[in-house]
PDB file of N, CA and C in Angstrom:
ATOM      1  N   MET A   1       1.476 -10.233 -59.882  1.00  0.00           N
ATOM      2  CA  MET A   1       1.904 -11.602 -60.170  1.00  0.00           C
ATOM      3  C   MET A   1       0.658 -12.582 -60.486  1.00  0.00           C
ATOM      4  N   VAL A   2       0.919 -13.566 -61.212  1.00  0.00           N
ATOM      5  CA  VAL A   2      -0.356 -14.374 -61.695  1.00  0.00           C
ATOM      6  C   VAL A   2      -0.162 -15.792 -61.100  1.00  0.00           C
ATOM      7  N   GLY A   3      -0.989 -16.214 -60.589  1.00  0.00           N
ATOM      8  CA  GLY A   3      -1.034 -17.610 -60.050  1.00  0.00           C
ATOM      9  C   GLY A   3      -2.072 -18.490 -60.508  1.00  0.00           C
ATOM     10  N   ILE A   4      -2.053 -19.789 -61.168  1.00  0.00           N
ATOM     11  CA  ILE A   4      -2.799 -20.557 -61.588  1.00  0.00           C
ATOM     12  C   ILE A   4      -2.869 -22.042 -61.142  1.00  0.00           C
ATOM     13  N   ASP A   5      -3.922 -22.710 -60.893  1.00  0.00           N
ATOM     14  CA  ASP A   5      -4.086 -24.053 -60.625  1.00  0.00           C
ATOM     15  C   ASP A   5      -5.247 -24.651 -60.973  1.00  0.00           C
ATOM     16  N   ILE A   6      -4.964 -26.008 -61.102  1.00  0.00           N
ATOM     17  CA  ILE A   6      -5.895 -27.075 -61.712  1.00  0.00           C
ATOM     18  C   ILE A   6      -5.906 -28.100 -60.694  1.00  0.00           C
ATOM     19  N   VAL A   7      -7.110 -28.491 -60.473  1.00  0.00           N
ATOM     20  CA  VAL A   7      -7.651 -29.527 -59.374  1.00  0.00           C
ATOM     21  C   VAL A   7      -8.378 -30.638 -60.064  1.00  0.00           C
ATOM     22  N   ASP A   8      -8.033 -31.852 -59.747  1.00  0.00           N
ATOM     23  CA  ASP A   8      -9.123 -32.947 -60.283  1.00  0.00           C
ATOM     24  C   ASP A   8      -9.896 -33.057 -59.230  1.00  0.00           C
ATOM     25  N   ILE A   9     -11.108 -32.850 -59.341  1.00  0.00           N
ATOM     26  CA  ILE A   9     -12.277 -32.760 -58.454  1.00  0.00           C
ATOM     27  C   ILE A   9     -12.412 -34.237 -57.975  1.00  0.00           C
ATOM     28  N   ALA A  10     -12.226 -35.378 -58.665  1.00  0.00           N
ATOM     29  CA  ALA A  10     -12.206 -36.648 -57.982  1.00  0.00           C
ATOM     30  C   ALA A  10     -11.426 -37.007 -56.881  1.00  0.00           C
ATOM     31  N   ARG A  11     -10.167 -36.392 -57.085  1.00  0.00           N
ATOM     32  CA  ARG A  11      -8.872 -36.399 -55.872  1.00  0.00           C
ATOM     33  C   ARG A  11      -9.491 -35.681 -54.702  1.00  0.00           C
ATOM     34  N   ILE A  12     -10.205 -34.533 -54.855  1.00  0.00           N
ATOM     35  CA  ILE A  12     -10.576 -34.024 -53.782  1.00  0.00           C
ATOM     36  C   ILE A  12     -11.809 -34.487 -52.902  1.00  0.00           C
ATOM     37  N   GLY A  13     -12.359 -35.161 -53.788  1.00  0.00           N
ATOM     38  CA  GLY A  13     -13.415 -36.207 -53.284  1.00  0.00           C
ATOM     39  C   GLY A  13     -13.076 -37.350 -52.497  1.00  0.00           C
ATOM     40  N   ARG A  14     -11.880 -37.716 -52.881  1.00  0.00           N
ATOM     41  CA  ARG A  14     -11.325 -38.934 -52.122  1.00  0.00           C
ATOM     42  C   ARG A  14     -10.475 -38.463 -50.818  1.00  0.00           C
ATOM     43  N   ALA A  15     -10.164 -37.342 -50.921  1.00  0.00           N
ATOM     44  CA  ALA A  15      -9.523 -36.679 -49.686  1.00  0.00           C
ATOM     45  C   ALA A  15     -10.685 -36.229 -48.668  1.00  0.00           C
ATOM     46  N   LEU A  16     -11.633 -35.803 -49.308  1.00  0.00           N
ATOM     47  CA  LEU A  16     -12.975 -35.747 -48.290  1.00  0.00           C
ATOM     48  C   LEU A  16     -13.440 -37.039 -47.804  1.00  0.00           C
ATOM     49  N   GLU A  17     -13.561 -38.182 -48.140  1.00  0.00           N
ATOM     50  CA  GLU A  17     -13.887 -39.475 -48.005  1.00  0.00           C
ATOM     51  C   GLU A  17     -12.800 -39.741 -46.894  1.00  0.00           C
ATOM     52  N   ARG A  18     -11.570 -39.678 -47.048  1.00  0.00           N
ATOM     53  CA  ARG A  18     -10.561 -40.366 -46.411  1.00  0.00           C
ATOM     54  C   ARG A  18     -10.332 -39.923 -45.203  1.00  0.00           C
ATOM     55  N   HIS A  19     -10.454 -38.175 -45.159  1.00  0.00           N
ATOM     56  CA  HIS A  19      -9.875 -37.500 -44.138  1.00  0.00           C
ATOM     57  C   HIS A  19     -11.287 -36.738 -43.298  1.00  0.00           C
ATOM     58  N   GLY A  20     -12.262 -36.534 -44.272  1.00  0.00           N
ATOM     59  CA  GLY A  20     -13.602 -35.826 -43.600  1.00  0.00           C
ATOM     60  C   GLY A  20     -13.117 -34.544 -42.946  1.00  0.00           C
ATOM     61  N   GLU A  21     -13.846 -34.204 -41.838  1.00  0.00           N
ATOM     62  CA  GLU A  21     -13.744 -33.073 -40.927  1.00  0.00           C
ATOM     63  C   GLU A  21     -12.472 -32.681 -41.044  1.00  0.00           C
ATOM     64  N   ARG A  22     -11.206 -33.243 -40.718  1.00  0.00           N
ATOM     65  CA  ARG A  22      -9.877 -33.091 -40.389  1.00  0.00           C
ATOM     66  C   ARG A  22      -9.318 -32.314 -41.877  1.00  0.00           C
ATOM     67  N   PHE A  23      -9.774 -32.792 -43.010  1.00  0.00           N
ATOM     68  CA  PHE A  23      -9.449 -32.291 -44.207  1.00  0.00           C
ATOM     69  C   PHE A  23     -10.060 -30.877 -44.482  1.00  0.00           C
ATOM     70  N   LEU A  24     -11.230 -30.783 -43.936  1.00  0.00           N
ATOM     71  CA  LEU A  24     -11.931 -29.532 -44.484  1.00  0.00           C
ATOM     72  C   LEU A  24     -11.376 -28.425 -43.215  1.00  0.00           C
ATOM     73  N   GLU A  25     -11.093 -28.728 -42.269  1.00  0.00           N
ATOM     74  CA  GLU A  25     -10.548 -27.688 -41.082  1.00  0.00           C
ATOM     75  C   GLU A  25      -9.372 -27.394 -41.360  1.00  0.00           C
ATOM     76  N   LYS A  26      -8.425 -28.181 -42.402  1.00  0.00           N
ATOM     77  CA  LYS A  26      -7.032 -27.733 -42.489  1.00  0.00           C
ATOM     78  C   LYS A  26      -6.882 -26.879 -43.798  1.00  0.00           C
ATOM     79  N   VAL A  27      -7.961 -27.073 -44.557  1.00  0.00           N
ATOM     80  CA  VAL A  27      -7.992 -26.285 -45.970  1.00  0.00           C
ATOM     81  C   VAL A  27      -8.909 -25.335 -45.961  1.00  0.00           C
ATOM     82  N   LEU A  28     -10.030 -25.203 -45.367  1.00  0.00           N
ATOM     83  CA  LEU A  28     -11.125 -24.207 -45.262  1.00  0.00           C
ATOM     84  C   LEU A  28     -11.143 -23.264 -44.130  1.00  0.00           C
ATOM     85  N   ALA A  29     -11.956 -22.081 -44.486  1.00  0.00           N
ATOM     86  CA  ALA A  29     -12.147 -21.155 -43.334  1.00  0.00           C
ATOM     87  C   ALA A  29     -13.468 -21.586 -42.896  1.00  0.00           C
ATOM     88  N   PRO A  30     -14.033 -21.216 -41.624  1.00  0.00           N
ATOM     89  CA  PRO A  30     -15.218 -21.599 -41.387  1.00  0.00           C
ATOM     90  C   PRO A  30     -16.404 -21.343 -42.063  1.00  0.00           C
ATOM     91  N   SER A  31     -16.334 -20.005 -42.829  1.00  0.00           N
ATOM     92  CA  SER A  31     -17.281 -19.623 -43.667  1.00  0.00           C
ATOM     93  C   SER A  31     -17.506 -20.785 -45.019  1.00  0.00           C
ATOM     94  N   GLU A  32     -16.380 -21.139 -45.416  1.00  0.00           N
ATOM     95  CA  GLU A  32     -16.408 -22.049 -46.583  1.00  0.00           C
ATOM     96  C   GLU A  32     -16.874 -23.304 -46.195  1.00  0.00           C
ATOM     97  N   ILE A  33     -16.430 -23.968 -44.905  1.00  0.00           N
ATOM     98  CA  ILE A  33     -17.104 -25.165 -44.503  1.00  0.00           C
ATOM     99  C   ILE A  33     -18.320 -25.138 -44.463  1.00  0.00           C
ATOM    100  N   ALA A  34     -19.181 -24.019 -43.995  1.00  0.00           N
ATOM    101  CA  ALA A  34     -20.591 -23.782 -43.854  1.00  0.00           C
ATOM    102  C   ALA A  34     -21.252 -23.874 -45.077  1.00  0.00           C
ATOM    103  N   ARG A  35     -20.587 -23.310 -46.294  1.00  0.00           N
ATOM    104  CA  ARG A  35     -21.256 -23.214 -47.473  1.00  0.00           C
ATOM    105  C   ARG A  35     -21.113 -24.608 -48.119  1.00  0.00           C
ATOM    106  N   ALA A  36     -19.938 -25.262 -48.099  1.00  0.00           N
ATOM    107  CA  ALA A  36     -19.679 -26.484 -48.481  1.00  0.00           C
ATOM    108  C   ALA A  36     -20.765 -27.568 -47.963  1.00  0.00           C
ATOM    109  N   ARG A  37     -21.235 -27.533 -46.663  1.00  0.00           N
ATOM    110  CA  ARG A  37     -22.203 -28.397 -46.236  1.00  0.00           C
ATOM    111  C   ARG A  37     -23.604 -28.175 -46.607  1.00  0.00           C
ATOM    112  N   ALA A  38     -23.772 -26.933 -47.278  1.00  0.00           N
ATOM    113  CA  ALA A  38     -25.024 -26.577 -47.685  1.00  0.00           C
ATOM    114  C   ALA A  38     -25.415 -26.464 -48.981  1.00  0.00           C
ATOM    115  N   ILE A  39     -24.468 -27.177 -49.828  1.00  0.00           N
ATOM    116  CA  ILE A  39     -24.763 -27.126 -51.325  1.00  0.00           C
ATOM    117  C   ILE A  39     -24.806 -28.754 -51.840  1.00  0.00           C
ATOM    118  N   ARG A  40     -25.380 -28.865 -52.922  1.00  0.00           N
ATOM    119  CA  ARG A  40     -25.637 -30.098 -53.401  1.00  0.00           C
ATOM    120  C   ARG A  40     -24.332 -30.885 -53.985  1.00  0.00           C
ATOM    121  N   ARG A  41     -23.475 -30.384 -54.599  1.00  0.00           N
ATOM    122  CA  ARG A  41     -22.259 -30.946 -55.021  1.00  0.00           C
ATOM    123  C   ARG A  41     -20.943 -30.264 -54.231  1.00  0.00           C
ATOM    124  N   PRO A  42     -20.491 -30.675 -53.232  1.00  0.00           N
ATOM    125  CA  PRO A  42     -19.607 -30.040 -52.372  1.00  0.00           C
ATOM    126  C   PRO A  42     -18.225 -30.198 -53.112  1.00  0.00           C
ATOM    127  N   GLN A  43     -17.939 -31.550 -53.803  1.00  0.00           N
ATOM    128  CA  GLN A  43     -16.565 -31.765 -54.231  1.00  0.00           C
ATOM    129  C   GLN A  43     -16.121 -30.698 -55.206  1.00  0.00           C
ATOM    130  N   GLU A  44     -17.280 -30.157 -56.050  1.00  0.00           N
ATOM    131  CA  GLU A  44     -16.887 -29.320 -57.260  1.00  0.00           C
ATOM    132  C   GLU A  44     -16.410 -27.945 -56.364  1.00  0.00           C
ATOM    133  N   TYR A  45     -17.265 -27.524 -55.252  1.00  0.00           N
ATOM    134  CA  TYR A  45     -17.095 -26.313 -54.673  1.00  0.00           C
ATOM    135  C   TYR A  45     -15.698 -26.237 -53.917  1.00  0.00           C
ATOM    136  N   LEU A  46     -15.330 -27.584 -53.237  1.00  0.00           N
ATOM    137  CA  LEU A  46     -14.132 -27.542 -52.576  1.00  0.00           C
ATOM    138  C   LEU A  46     -12.896 -27.548 -53.525  1.00  0.00           C
ATOM    139  N   ALA A  47     -12.959 -28.270 -54.635  1.00  0.00           N
ATOM    140  CA  ALA A  47     -11.813 -28.328 -55.632  1.00  0.00           C
ATOM    141  C   ALA A  47     -11.611 -26.677 -56.293  1.00  0.00           C
ATOM    142  N   GLY A  48     -12.827 -25.940 -56.553  1.00  0.00           N
ATOM    143  CA  GLY A  48     -12.671 -24.753 -57.084  1.00  0.00           C
ATOM    144  C   GLY A  48     -11.981 -23.801 -55.845  1.00  0.00           C
ATOM    145  N   ARG A  49     -12.433 -24.070 -54.675  1.00  0.00           N
ATOM    146  CA  ARG A  49     -11.549 -23.262 -53.548  1.00  0.00           C
ATOM    147  C   ARG A  49     -10.215 -23.557 -53.505  1.00  0.00           C
ATOM    148  N   PHE A  50      -9.912 -25.168 -53.503  1.00  0.00           N
ATOM    149  CA  PHE A  50      -8.537 -25.414 -53.315  1.00  0.00           C
ATOM    150  C   PHE A  50      -7.919 -24.672 -54.440  1.00  0.00           C
ATOM    151  N   ALA A  51      -8.201 -24.978 -55.643  1.00  0.00           N
ATOM    152  CA  ALA A  51      -7.582 -24.276 -56.905  1.00  0.00           C
ATOM    153  C   ALA A  51      -7.562 -22.780 -56.480  1.00  0.00           C
ATOM    154  N   ALA A  52      -8.442 -22.063 -56.070  1.00  0.00           N
ATOM    155  CA  ALA A  52      -8.068 -20.621 -55.724  1.00  0.00           C
ATOM    156  C   ALA A  52      -6.948 -20.358 -54.662  1.00  0.00           C
ATOM    157  N   LYS A  53      -7.198 -21.112 -53.845  1.00  0.00           N
ATOM    158  CA  LYS A  53      -6.139 -20.817 -52.723  1.00  0.00           C
ATOM    159  C   LYS A  53      -4.819 -21.130 -53.183  1.00  0.00           C
ATOM    160  N   GLU A  54      -4.406 -22.188 -54.021  1.00  0.00           N
ATOM    161  CA  GLU A  54      -3.219 -22.366 -54.636  1.00  0.00           C
ATOM    162  C   GLU A  54      -2.765 -21.349 -55.569  1.00  0.00           C
ATOM    163  N   ALA A  55      -3.762 -21.118 -56.447  1.00  0.00           N
ATOM    164  CA  ALA A  55      -3.382 -19.945 -57.207  1.00  0.00           C
ATOM    165  C   ALA A  55      -2.828 -18.606 -56.485  1.00  0.00           C
ATOM    166  N   PHE A  56      -3.564 -18.351 -55.531  1.00  0.00           N
ATOM    167  CA  PHE A  56      -3.329 -17.239 -54.620  1.00  0.00           C
ATOM    168  C   PHE A  56      -1.733 -17.398 -54.286  1.00  0.00           C
ATOM    169  N   MET A  57      -1.399 -18.532 -53.576  1.00  0.00           N
ATOM    170  CA  MET A  57      -0.143 -18.664 -53.074  1.00  0.00           C
ATOM    171  C   MET A  57       0.824 -18.731 -54.213  1.00  0.00           C
ATOM    172  N   LYS A  58       0.567 -19.055 -55.304  1.00  0.00           N
ATOM    173  CA  LYS A  58       1.601 -18.935 -56.539  1.00  0.00           C
ATOM    174  C   LYS A  58       1.779 -17.514 -56.803  1.00  0.00           C
ATOM    175  N   ALA A  59       0.649 -16.693 -56.982  1.00  0.00           N
ATOM    176  CA  ALA A  59       0.664 -15.310 -57.186  1.00  0.00           C
ATOM    177  C   ALA A  59       1.334 -14.497 -56.018  1.00  0.00           C
ATOM    178  N   SER A  60       1.347 -15.008 -54.889  1.00  0.00           N
ATOM    179  CA  SER A  60       2.162 -14.382 -53.732  1.00  0.00           C
ATOM    180  C   SER A  60       3.532 -14.803 -53.484  1.00  0.00           C
ATOM    181  N   GLY A  61       3.813 -15.761 -54.522  1.00  0.00           N
ATOM    182  CA  GLY A  61       5.276 -16.048 -54.424  1.00  0.00           C
ATOM    183  C   GLY A  61       5.644 -17.189 -53.060  1.00  0.00           C
ATOM    184  N   ARG A  62       4.658 -17.561 -52.162  1.00  0.00           N
ATOM    185  CA  ARG A  62       5.158 -18.246 -51.063  1.00  0.00           C
ATOM    186  C   ARG A  62       4.097 -18.972 -50.656  1.00  0.00           C
ATOM    187  N   ARG A  63       4.386 -19.877 -49.745  1.00  0.00           N
ATOM    188  CA  ARG A  63       3.176 -20.829 -48.989  1.00  0.00           C
ATOM    189  C   ARG A  63       2.682 -20.057 -47.990  1.00  0.00           C
ATOM    190  N   LEU A  64       1.449 -19.976 -47.820  1.00  0.00           N
ATOM    191  CA  LEU A  64       0.465 -19.335 -46.964  1.00  0.00           C
ATOM    192  C   LEU A  64      -0.410 -20.120 -46.370  1.00  0.00           C
ATOM    193  N   THR A  65      -0.852 -19.685 -45.056  1.00  0.00           N
ATOM    194  CA  THR A  65      -1.912 -20.670 -44.169  1.00  0.00           C
ATOM    195  C   THR A  65      -3.069 -20.860 -44.902  1.00  0.00           C
ATOM    196  N   TRP A  66      -3.420 -22.043 -45.193  1.00  0.00           N
ATOM    197  CA  TRP A  66      -4.712 -22.323 -46.080  1.00  0.00           C
ATOM    198  C   TRP A  66      -5.902 -21.653 -45.268  1.00  0.00           C
ATOM    199  N   THR A  67      -6.154 -21.717 -44.120  1.00  0.00           N
ATOM    200  CA  THR A  67      -7.375 -20.990 -43.596  1.00  0.00           C
ATOM    201  C   THR A  67      -7.384 -19.536 -43.435  1.00  0.00           C
ATOM    202  N   GLU A  68      -6.478 -18.881 -43.751  1.00  0.00           N
ATOM    203  CA  GLU A  68      -6.415 -17.420 -43.564  1.00  0.00           C
ATOM    204  C   GLU A  68      -6.784 -16.951 -45.021  1.00  0.00           C
ATOM    205  N   ILE A  69      -6.670 -17.882 -46.161  1.00  0.00           N
ATOM    206  CA  ILE A  69      -7.062 -17.483 -47.351  1.00  0.00           C
ATOM    207  C   ILE A  69      -8.618 -17.856 -47.518  1.00  0.00           C
ATOM    208  N   GLU A  70      -9.455 -16.831 -47.616  1.00  0.00           N
ATOM    209  CA  GLU A  70     -10.927 -17.106 -47.563  1.00  0.00           C
ATOM    210  C   GLU A  70     -11.582 -16.858 -48.809  1.00  0.00           C
ATOM    211  N   VAL A  71     -12.050 -17.959 -49.731  1.00  0.00           N
ATOM    212  CA  VAL A  71     -12.747 -17.707 -51.029  1.00  0.00           C
ATOM    213  C   VAL A  71     -14.183 -17.501 -50.709  1.00  0.00           C
ATOM    214  N   LEU A  72     -14.530 -16.313 -51.350  1.00  0.00           N
ATOM    215  CA  LEU A  72     -16.169 -15.914 -50.929  1.00  0.00           C
ATOM    216  C   LEU A  72     -16.437 -15.669 -52.391  1.00  0.00           C
ATOM    217  N   SER A  73     -18.024 -15.272 -52.476  1.00  0.00           N
ATOM    218  CA  SER A  73     -18.449 -15.103 -53.753  1.00  0.00           C
ATOM    219  C   SER A  73     -19.324 -14.100 -53.310  1.00  0.00           C
ATOM    220  N   GLU A  74     -19.810 -13.088 -54.392  1.00  0.00           N
ATOM    221  CA  GLU A  74     -20.708 -11.964 -54.484  1.00  0.00           C
ATOM    222  C   GLU A  74     -21.279 -11.869 -55.794  1.00  0.00           C
ATOM    223  N   GLU A  75     -22.654 -12.129 -55.823  1.00  0.00           N
ATOM    224  CA  GLU A  75     -23.355 -12.260 -57.149  1.00  0.00           C
ATOM    225  C   GLU A  75     -22.647 -13.048 -58.141  1.00  0.00           C
ATOM    226  N   GLY A  76     -22.151 -14.168 -57.630  1.00  0.00           N
ATOM    227  CA  GLY A  76     -21.591 -15.417 -58.579  1.00  0.00           C
ATOM    228  C   GLY A  76     -19.959 -14.915 -58.877  1.00  0.00           C
ATOM    229  N   ARG A  77     -19.344 -13.600 -58.185  1.00  0.00           N
ATOM    230  CA  ARG A  77     -18.236 -13.532 -58.738  1.00  0.00           C
ATOM    231  C   ARG A  77     -17.074 -13.930 -57.527  1.00  0.00           C
ATOM    232  N   PRO A  78     -16.309 -14.711 -57.676  1.00  0.00           N
ATOM    233  CA  PRO A  78     -15.435 -14.960 -56.603  1.00  0.00           C
ATOM    234  C   PRO A  78     -14.436 -14.049 -56.217  1.00  0.00           C
ATOM    235  N   TYR A  79     -14.066 -13.896 -54.835  1.00  0.00           N
ATOM    236  CA  TYR A  79     -12.812 -13.011 -54.630  1.00  0.00           C
ATOM    237  C   TYR A  79     -12.439 -13.550 -53.410  1.00  0.00           C
ATOM    238  N   ILE A  80     -11.148 -13.153 -52.601  1.00  0.00           N
ATOM    239  CA  ILE A  80     -10.450 -13.620 -51.846  1.00  0.00           C
ATOM    240  C   ILE A  80     -10.177 -12.538 -50.915  1.00  0.00           C
ATOM    241  N   VAL A  81     -10.358 -12.971 -49.376  1.00  0.00           N
ATOM    242  CA  VAL A  81      -9.869 -12.386 -48.281  1.00  0.00           C
ATOM    243  C   VAL A  81      -8.999 -12.750 -47.577  1.00  0.00           C
ATOM    244  N   TYR A  82      -7.635 -12.013 -47.531  1.00  0.00           N
ATOM    245  CA  TYR A  82      -6.593 -12.537 -46.678  1.00  0.00           C
ATOM    246  C   TYR A  82      -6.193 -11.461 -45.810  1.00  0.00           C
ATOM    247  N   ARG A  83      -6.102 -11.818 -44.800  1.00  0.00           N
ATOM    248  CA  ARG A  83      -5.730 -11.042 -43.563  1.00  0.00           C
ATOM    249  C   ARG A  83      -6.524  -9.646 -43.751  1.00  0.00           C
ATOM    250  N   GLY A  84      -7.766  -9.537 -43.852  1.00  0.00           N
ATOM    251  CA  GLY A  84      -8.577  -8.466 -43.933  1.00  0.00           C
ATOM    252  C   GLY A  84      -8.675  -7.539 -45.118  1.00  0.00           C
ATOM    253  N   LYS A  85      -7.832  -7.936 -46.042  1.00  0.00           N
ATOM    254  CA  LYS A  85      -7.938  -7.436 -47.587  1.00  0.00           C
ATOM    255  C   LYS A  85      -8.511  -8.210 -48.569  1.00  0.00           C
ATOM    256  N   ARG A  86      -9.303  -7.518 -49.429  1.00  0.00           N
ATOM    257  CA  ARG A  86     -10.121  -8.373 -50.313  1.00  0.00           C
ATOM    258  C   ARG A  86      -9.069  -8.136 -51.703  1.00  0.00           C
ATOM    259  N   TYR A  87      -9.190  -9.283 -52.439  1.00  0.00           N
ATOM    260  CA  TYR A  87      -8.458  -9.301 -53.545  1.00  0.00           C
ATOM    261  C   TYR A  87      -9.735 -10.054 -54.506  1.00  0.00           C
ATOM    262  N   ASP A  88     -10.007  -9.096 -55.523  1.00  0.00           N
ATOM    263  CA  ASP A  88     -10.990  -9.182 -56.663  1.00  0.00           C
ATOM    264  C   ASP A  88     -10.714  -9.989 -57.788  1.00  0.00           C
ATOM    265  N   ASP A  89      -9.270 -10.000 -58.144  1.00  0.00           N
ATOM    266  CA  ASP A  89      -8.814 -10.620 -59.495  1.00  0.00           C
ATOM    267  C   ASP A  89      -8.808 -11.952 -59.352  1.00  0.00           C
ATOM    268  N   VAL A  90     -10.146 -12.781 -59.273  1.00  0.00           N
ATOM    269  CA  VAL A  90      -9.900 -14.204 -58.929  1.00  0.00           C
ATOM    270  C   VAL A  90     -11.046 -14.693 -59.854  1.00  0.00           C
ATOM    271  N   SER A  91     -10.643 -15.901 -60.389  1.00  0.00           N
ATOM    272  CA  SER A  91     -11.509 -16.525 -61.608  1.00  0.00           C
ATOM    273  C   SER A  91     -11.479 -17.955 -61.107  1.00  0.00           C
ATOM    274  N   ILE A  92     -12.658 -18.681 -61.055  1.00  0.00           N
ATOM    275  CA  ILE A  92     -12.881 -19.898 -60.883  1.00  0.00           C
ATOM    276  C   ILE A  92     -13.666 -20.638 -61.917  1.00  0.00           C
ATOM    277  N   SER A  93     -13.097 -21.706 -62.552  1.00  0.00           N
ATOM    278  CA  SER A  93     -14.212 -22.283 -63.459  1.00  0.00           C
ATOM    279  C   SER A  93     -14.099 -23.826 -63.115  1.00  0.00           C
ATOM    280  N   HIS A  94     -15.122 -24.332 -63.573  1.00  0.00           N
ATOM    281  CA  HIS A  94     -15.274 -25.985 -63.317  1.00  0.00           C
ATOM    282  C   HIS A  94     -15.659 -26.598 -64.660  1.00  0.00           C
ATOM    283  N   GLU A  95     -15.049 -27.803 -64.768  1.00  0.00           N
ATOM    284  CA  GLU A  95     -15.598 -28.562 -66.033  1.00  0.00           C
ATOM    285  C   GLU A  95     -15.645 -30.199 -65.430  1.00  0.00           C
ATOM    286  N   ARG A  96     -16.340 -31.109 -66.270  1.00  0.00           N
ATOM    287  CA  ARG A  96     -16.517 -32.247 -65.595  1.00  0.00           C
ATOM    288  C   ARG A  96     -15.674 -32.894 -64.750  1.00  0.00           C
ATOM    289  N   SER A  97     -14.553 -32.767 -64.978  1.00  0.00           N
ATOM    290  CA  SER A  97     -13.495 -33.474 -64.143  1.00  0.00           C
ATOM    291  C   SER A  97     -12.661 -32.478 -63.295  1.00  0.00           C
ATOM    292  N   TYR A  98     -12.504 -31.368 -63.762  1.00  0.00           N
ATOM    293  CA  TYR A  98     -11.478 -30.397 -63.205  1.00  0.00           C
ATOM    294  C   TYR A  98     -11.945 -29.054 -62.718  1.00  0.00           C
ATOM    295  N   ALA A  99     -11.284 -28.589 -61.798  1.00  0.00           N
ATOM    296  CA  ALA A  99     -11.754 -26.997 -61.483  1.00  0.00           C
ATOM    297  C   ALA A  99     -10.374 -26.316 -61.603  1.00  0.00           C
ATOM    298  N   VAL A 100     -10.505 -25.197 -61.967  1.00  0.00           N
ATOM    299  CA  VAL A 100      -9.293 -24.254 -62.382  1.00  0.00           C
ATOM    300  C   VAL A 100      -9.230 -22.844 -61.764  1.00  0.00           C
ATOM    301  N   SER A 101      -8.416 -22.399 -61.248  1.00  0.00           N
ATOM    302  CA  SER A 101      -8.364 -20.926 -60.835  1.00  0.00           C
ATOM    303  C   SER A 101      -7.337 -20.223 -61.280  1.00  0.00           C
ATOM    304  N   VAL A 102      -7.519 -18.648 -61.382  1.00  0.00           N
ATOM    305  CA  VAL A 102      -6.364 -17.874 -61.983  1.00  0.00           C
ATOM    306  C   VAL A 102      -6.740 -16.758 -60.991  1.00  0.00           C
ATOM    307  N   VAL A 103      -5.541 -16.286 -60.426  1.00  0.00           N
ATOM    308  CA  VAL A 103      -5.495 -15.090 -59.273  1.00  0.00           C
ATOM    309  C   VAL A 103      -4.570 -14.200 -59.962  1.00  0.00           C
ATOM    310  N   ILE A 104      -4.915 -12.833 -59.912  1.00  0.00           N
ATOM    311  CA  ILE A 104      -3.863 -11.806 -60.223  1.00  0.00           C
ATOM    312  C   ILE A 104      -3.588 -10.988 -58.802  1.00  0.00           C
ATOM    313  N   ARG A 105      -2.320 -10.632 -58.694  1.00  0.00           N
ATOM    314  CA  ARG A 105      -2.216  -9.993 -57.173  1.00  0.00           C
ATOM    315  C   ARG A 105      -1.293  -8.877 -57.741  1.00  0.00           C
ATOM    316  N   GLU A 106      -1.994  -7.770 -58.017  1.00  0.00           N
ATOM    317  CA  GLU A 106      -1.370  -6.377 -58.583  1.00  0.00           C
ATOM    318  C   GLU A 106      -0.322  -5.806 -57.462  1.00  0.00           C
ATOM    319  N   ASP A 107      -0.828  -6.227 -56.158  1.00  0.00           N
ATOM    320  CA  ASP A 107       0.071  -5.594 -55.076  1.00  0.00           C
ATOM    321  C   ASP A 107       1.421  -6.165 -54.814  1.00  0.00           C
ATOM    322  N   ILE A 108       1.686  -7.202 -55.506  1.00  0.00           N
ATOM    323  CA  ILE A 108       2.877  -8.126 -55.446  1.00  0.00           C
ATOM    324  C   ILE A 108       4.049  -7.482 -56.695  1.00  0.00           C
ATOM    325  N   LYS A 109       5.105  -7.079 -56.160  1.00  0.00           N
ATOM    326  CA  LYS A 109       6.063  -6.544 -57.125  1.00  0.00           C
ATOM    327  C   LYS A 109       6.725  -7.574 -57.851  1.00  0.00           C
ATOM    328  N   GLY A 110       7.111  -7.528 -59.236  1.00  0.00           N
ATOM    329  CA  GLY A 110       7.952  -8.233 -60.048  1.00  0.00           C
ATOM    330  C   GLY A 110       9.311  -7.852 -59.735  1.00  0.00           C
ATOM    331  N   LYS A 111      10.412  -8.848 -60.435  1.00  0.00           N
ATOM    332  CA  LYS A 111      11.937  -8.768 -60.293  1.00  0.00           C
ATOM    333  C   LYS A 111      12.390  -7.129 -60.353  1.00  0.00           C
ATOM    334  N   GLU A 112      11.930  -6.540 -61.182  1.00  0.00           N
ATOM    335  CA  GLU A 112      12.065  -5.058 -61.364  1.00  0.00           C
ATOM    336  C   GLU A 112      11.752  -4.115 -60.504  1.00  0.00           C
ATOM    337  N   GLY A 113      10.910  -4.522 -59.673  1.00  0.00           N
ATOM    338  CA  GLY A 113      10.222  -3.518 -58.729  1.00  0.00           C
ATOM    339  C   GLY A 113       9.096  -3.009 -58.997  1.00  0.00           C
ATOM    340  N   VAL A 114       8.411  -3.630 -60.076  1.00  0.00           N
ATOM    341  CA  VAL A 114       7.346  -2.720 -60.818  1.00  0.00           C
ATOM    342  C   VAL A 114       6.288  -3.578 -60.185  1.00  0.00           C
ATOM    343  N   ALA A 115       4.798  -3.127 -59.996  1.00  0.00           N
ATOM    344  CA  ALA A 115       3.944  -3.939 -59.749  1.00  0.00           C
ATOM    345  C   ALA A 115       3.396  -4.343 -60.855  1.00  0.00           C
ATOM    346  N   LEU A 116       3.048  -5.602 -61.049  1.00  0.00           N
ATOM    347  CA  LEU A 116       2.562  -6.186 -62.283  1.00  0.00           C
ATOM    348  C   LEU A 116       0.993  -6.372 -62.371  1.00  0.00           C
TER     349      LEU A 116
END
């Protein structure tokens, strides 16, 4: 199954200003919070992670717990860890105002019972 999401970076910035730590703790895993604090432009990073988590939920076909979906990267390539399992089919892109993500979950079966 495929999931896609697009996020307005400014909207994430406003949520961060308004809710601060509470927003971070609701949406991000501890490793993601640490990374967001260590980079120069955290709003872009947060928007990309938010989009990837939403795309993962859409590919999963159900609402999941935000903090259980951990978006990490290795050599510049994002991947997701959810309940101990790694998912590599993740793409995140940023443009001036938006972050977008696509996630493919080949382990989720389609209506005909065939893995997509």
